[in-house]
Amino acid sequence: MKTAILTLFMVLSGFMTSAQTLEKMNWFNEPAKWDISDDKLIMHVTPKSDYWRISHYGFTVDDAPFYYSEYGGEFEAKVKISGDY
């Protein structure tokens, strides 16, 4: 029983230490103004920036900021987005 509890503790502590933090992510089109505080990312997006793959006009636009991290395998993400639209 002690071995099972110790093994469970080791596995859980490994999960907690390998959790992703906002500071370790990467920018694609980094915005001019952004900040991370209290586990929140706040960024000011340039007006009229966007993501279009191929529009009906035949052009591609991908000039908006995107903050990302790459993962392999299955994972769960919880995201809350709010803004002044």
N, C-alpha and C. Protein backbone atom coordinates (compact mmCIF):
# COMPACT_ATOMS: atom_id res chain seq x y z
N MET A 1 0.82 -1.19 0.00
CA MET A 1 0.00 0.00 0.00
C MET A 1 0.87 1.26 0.00
N LYS A 2 1.95 1.25 0.81
CA LYS A 2 2.85 2.39 0.84
C LYS A 2 3.45 2.66 -0.54
N THR A 3 3.80 1.58 -1.24
CA THR A 3 4.39 1.71 -2.57
C THR A 3 3.40 2.33 -3.54
N ALA A 4 2.15 1.93 -3.48
CA ALA A 4 1.12 2.47 -4.37
C ALA A 4 0.91 3.96 -4.11
N ILE A 5 0.87 4.37 -2.85
CA ILE A 5 0.67 5.78 -2.51
C ILE A 5 1.88 6.60 -2.95
N LEU A 6 3.08 6.07 -2.72
CA LEU A 6 4.29 6.77 -3.13
C LEU A 6 4.34 6.92 -4.65
N THR A 7 3.98 5.88 -5.38
CA THR A 7 3.97 5.93 -6.84
C THR A 7 2.96 6.97 -7.33
N LEU A 8 1.77 6.99 -6.75
CA LEU A 8 0.74 7.97 -7.12
C LEU A 8 1.24 9.39 -6.85
N PHE A 9 1.87 9.60 -5.72
CA PHE A 9 2.42 10.92 -5.38
C PHE A 9 3.47 11.34 -6.41
N MET A 10 4.35 10.44 -6.81
CA MET A 10 5.40 10.75 -7.78
C MET A 10 4.79 11.11 -9.14
N VAL A 11 3.78 10.36 -9.56
CA VAL A 11 3.12 10.63 -10.84
C VAL A 11 2.44 11.99 -10.81
N LEU A 12 1.69 12.28 -9.76
CA LEU A 12 0.99 13.56 -9.65
C LEU A 12 1.96 14.73 -9.57
N SER A 13 3.03 14.59 -8.83
CA SER A 13 4.00 15.68 -8.76
C SER A 13 4.69 15.89 -10.10
N GLY A 14 4.87 14.83 -10.87
CA GLY A 14 5.43 14.97 -12.22
C GLY A 14 4.50 15.73 -13.13
N PHE A 15 3.20 15.49 -13.03
CA PHE A 15 2.22 16.23 -13.83
C PHE A 15 2.22 17.71 -13.45
N MET A 16 2.28 17.99 -12.17
CA MET A 16 2.21 19.38 -11.72
C MET A 16 3.45 20.17 -12.14
N THR A 17 4.61 19.54 -12.15
CA THR A 17 5.82 20.26 -12.52
C THR A 17 5.97 20.40 -14.03
N SER A 18 5.26 19.60 -14.81
CA SER A 18 5.39 19.69 -16.26
C SER A 18 4.26 20.51 -16.89
N ALA A 19 3.43 21.14 -16.09
CA ALA A 19 2.31 21.93 -16.62
C ALA A 19 2.83 23.13 -17.42
N GLN A 20 2.13 23.48 -18.46
CA GLN A 20 2.52 24.61 -19.31
C GLN A 20 2.25 25.91 -18.59
N THR A 21 3.17 26.85 -18.73
CA THR A 21 2.96 28.19 -18.20
C THR A 21 2.93 29.16 -19.36
N LEU A 22 2.27 30.27 -19.17
CA LEU A 22 2.16 31.26 -20.24
C LEU A 22 3.53 31.80 -20.65
N GLU A 23 4.46 31.90 -19.70
CA GLU A 23 5.77 32.47 -20.00
C GLU A 23 6.58 31.61 -20.96
N LYS A 24 6.27 30.34 -21.10
CA LYS A 24 7.06 29.43 -21.94
C LYS A 24 6.46 29.23 -23.33
N MET A 25 5.50 30.03 -23.71
CA MET A 25 4.86 29.88 -25.01
C MET A 25 5.55 30.78 -26.04
N ASN A 26 5.14 30.66 -27.30
CA ASN A 26 5.78 31.38 -28.40
C ASN A 26 4.79 32.29 -29.12
N TRP A 27 5.31 33.36 -29.69
CA TRP A 27 4.48 34.29 -30.47
C TRP A 27 4.63 34.04 -31.96
N PHE A 28 3.53 34.14 -32.66
CA PHE A 28 3.49 34.29 -34.11
C PHE A 28 2.84 35.66 -34.31
N ASN A 29 3.54 36.59 -34.92
CA ASN A 29 3.08 37.99 -35.06
C ASN A 29 2.87 38.63 -33.69
N GLU A 30 3.96 38.74 -32.94
CA GLU A 30 3.90 39.32 -31.60
C GLU A 30 3.33 40.73 -31.63
N PRO A 31 2.32 41.01 -30.78
CA PRO A 31 1.75 42.36 -30.76
C PRO A 31 2.71 43.36 -30.12
N ALA A 32 2.54 44.63 -30.43
CA ALA A 32 3.40 45.67 -29.88
C ALA A 32 3.23 45.81 -28.38
N LYS A 33 2.02 45.55 -27.88
CA LYS A 33 1.74 45.73 -26.46
C LYS A 33 1.06 44.48 -25.91
N TRP A 34 1.69 43.83 -24.92
CA TRP A 34 1.10 42.68 -24.26
C TRP A 34 1.73 42.52 -22.88
N ASP A 35 1.05 41.77 -22.00
CA ASP A 35 1.54 41.56 -20.65
C ASP A 35 0.97 40.27 -20.09
N ILE A 36 1.75 39.62 -19.23
CA ILE A 36 1.28 38.44 -18.50
C ILE A 36 1.36 38.77 -17.02
N SER A 37 0.22 38.66 -16.33
CA SER A 37 0.19 38.83 -14.88
C SER A 37 -0.99 38.05 -14.32
N ASP A 38 -0.79 37.47 -13.14
CA ASP A 38 -1.84 36.67 -12.48
C ASP A 38 -2.37 35.57 -13.39
N ASP A 39 -1.47 34.89 -14.11
CA ASP A 39 -1.84 33.80 -15.03
C ASP A 39 -2.81 34.23 -16.12
N LYS A 40 -2.75 35.50 -16.51
CA LYS A 40 -3.59 36.03 -17.59
C LYS A 40 -2.71 36.69 -18.63
N LEU A 41 -3.06 36.47 -19.89
CA LEU A 41 -2.40 37.14 -21.00
C LEU A 41 -3.30 38.27 -21.46
N ILE A 42 -2.76 39.48 -21.46
CA ILE A 42 -3.50 40.64 -21.96
C ILE A 42 -2.73 41.19 -23.15
N MET A 43 -3.38 41.29 -24.31
CA MET A 43 -2.70 41.82 -25.48
C MET A 43 -3.61 42.79 -26.21
N HIS A 44 -2.99 43.74 -26.85
CA HIS A 44 -3.70 44.73 -27.65
C HIS A 44 -3.44 44.40 -29.11
N VAL A 45 -4.48 44.02 -29.81
CA VAL A 45 -4.37 43.56 -31.19
C VAL A 45 -4.49 44.75 -32.14
N THR A 46 -3.63 44.77 -33.14
CA THR A 46 -3.66 45.83 -34.14
C THR A 46 -5.01 45.80 -34.87
N PRO A 47 -5.68 46.94 -34.99
CA PRO A 47 -6.96 46.96 -35.72
C PRO A 47 -6.80 46.44 -37.15
N LYS A 48 -7.83 45.78 -37.61
CA LYS A 48 -7.91 45.23 -38.96
C LYS A 48 -6.89 44.13 -39.25
N SER A 49 -6.29 43.53 -38.20
CA SER A 49 -5.47 42.33 -38.41
C SER A 49 -6.41 41.13 -38.40
N ASP A 50 -6.00 40.06 -39.07
CA ASP A 50 -6.94 38.96 -39.27
C ASP A 50 -6.22 37.68 -39.63
N TYR A 51 -6.97 36.60 -39.67
CA TYR A 51 -6.52 35.31 -40.19
C TYR A 51 -7.50 34.84 -41.25
N TRP A 52 -7.07 34.79 -42.46
CA TRP A 52 -7.84 34.22 -43.56
C TRP A 52 -6.90 33.25 -44.26
N ARG A 53 -7.33 32.09 -44.55
CA ARG A 53 -6.47 31.18 -45.28
C ARG A 53 -6.54 31.53 -46.76
N ILE A 54 -7.57 31.27 -47.42
CA ILE A 54 -7.70 31.71 -48.81
C ILE A 54 -9.07 32.34 -48.94
N SER A 55 -9.08 33.64 -49.16
CA SER A 55 -10.35 34.35 -49.24
C SER A 55 -10.96 34.16 -50.63
N HIS A 56 -12.18 34.62 -50.80
CA HIS A 56 -12.82 34.53 -52.11
C HIS A 56 -12.15 35.46 -53.12
N TYR A 57 -11.30 36.38 -52.62
CA TYR A 57 -10.52 37.23 -53.52
C TYR A 57 -9.23 36.55 -53.97
N GLY A 58 -8.89 35.42 -53.33
CA GLY A 58 -7.71 34.67 -53.72
C GLY A 58 -6.44 35.03 -52.96
N PHE A 59 -6.55 35.78 -51.87
CA PHE A 59 -5.35 36.10 -51.11
C PHE A 59 -5.41 35.51 -49.71
N THR A 60 -4.25 35.43 -49.07
CA THR A 60 -4.12 34.88 -47.73
C THR A 60 -3.64 35.98 -46.79
N VAL A 61 -4.30 36.12 -45.65
CA VAL A 61 -3.91 37.10 -44.64
C VAL A 61 -3.69 36.36 -43.33
N ASP A 62 -2.54 36.56 -42.72
CA ASP A 62 -2.30 35.99 -41.39
C ASP A 62 -1.40 36.94 -40.60
N ASP A 63 -1.94 38.13 -40.33
CA ASP A 63 -1.14 39.15 -39.65
C ASP A 63 -1.58 39.42 -38.20
N ALA A 64 -2.52 38.66 -37.69
CA ALA A 64 -2.97 38.83 -36.30
C ALA A 64 -2.03 38.08 -35.36
N PRO A 65 -1.92 38.51 -34.10
CA PRO A 65 -1.06 37.81 -33.15
C PRO A 65 -1.66 36.47 -32.73
N PHE A 66 -0.77 35.54 -32.44
CA PHE A 66 -1.17 34.21 -32.01
C PHE A 66 -0.13 33.72 -31.01
N TYR A 67 -0.56 33.36 -29.81
CA TYR A 67 0.33 32.89 -28.74
C TYR A 67 0.12 31.40 -28.60
N TYR A 68 1.16 30.61 -28.77
CA TYR A 68 0.95 29.17 -28.88
C TYR A 68 2.07 28.36 -28.23
N SER A 69 1.79 27.09 -28.07
CA SER A 69 2.76 26.10 -27.64
C SER A 69 2.43 24.81 -28.38
N GLU A 70 3.45 24.03 -28.70
CA GLU A 70 3.24 22.78 -29.42
C GLU A 70 3.21 21.61 -28.45
N TYR A 71 2.28 20.69 -28.67
CA TYR A 71 2.12 19.51 -27.83
C TYR A 71 1.98 18.29 -28.71
N GLY A 72 2.38 17.16 -28.19
CA GLY A 72 2.12 15.89 -28.85
C GLY A 72 1.13 15.08 -28.03
N GLY A 73 0.42 14.21 -28.68
CA GLY A 73 -0.54 13.37 -27.97
C GLY A 73 -1.80 14.11 -27.59
N GLU A 74 -2.58 13.49 -26.73
CA GLU A 74 -3.86 14.07 -26.31
C GLU A 74 -3.63 15.06 -25.18
N PHE A 75 -4.47 16.10 -25.12
CA PHE A 75 -4.40 17.07 -24.05
C PHE A 75 -5.74 17.77 -23.92
N GLU A 76 -5.91 18.51 -22.86
CA GLU A 76 -7.13 19.28 -22.62
C GLU A 76 -6.74 20.74 -22.47
N ALA A 77 -7.49 21.61 -23.08
CA ALA A 77 -7.23 23.05 -22.97
C ALA A 77 -8.48 23.75 -22.47
N LYS A 78 -8.30 24.65 -21.52
CA LYS A 78 -9.39 25.48 -21.02
C LYS A 78 -9.04 26.91 -21.34
N VAL A 79 -9.92 27.59 -22.05
CA VAL A 79 -9.64 28.94 -22.53
C VAL A 79 -10.84 29.83 -22.24
N LYS A 80 -10.55 31.04 -21.77
CA LYS A 80 -11.60 32.04 -21.59
C LYS A 80 -11.15 33.28 -22.36
N ILE A 81 -11.98 33.77 -23.25
CA ILE A 81 -11.65 34.94 -24.06
C ILE A 81 -12.66 36.03 -23.75
N SER A 82 -12.16 37.22 -23.49
CA SER A 82 -13.03 38.36 -23.32
C SER A 82 -12.38 39.55 -24.00
N GLY A 83 -13.16 40.52 -24.39
CA GLY A 83 -12.58 41.68 -25.07
C GLY A 83 -13.61 42.76 -25.33
N ASP A 84 -13.10 43.87 -25.77
CA ASP A 84 -13.94 44.98 -26.21
C ASP A 84 -14.00 44.91 -27.73
N TYR A 85 -15.11 44.42 -28.24
CA TYR A 85 -15.23 44.20 -29.68
C TYR A 85 -15.89 45.37 -30.35
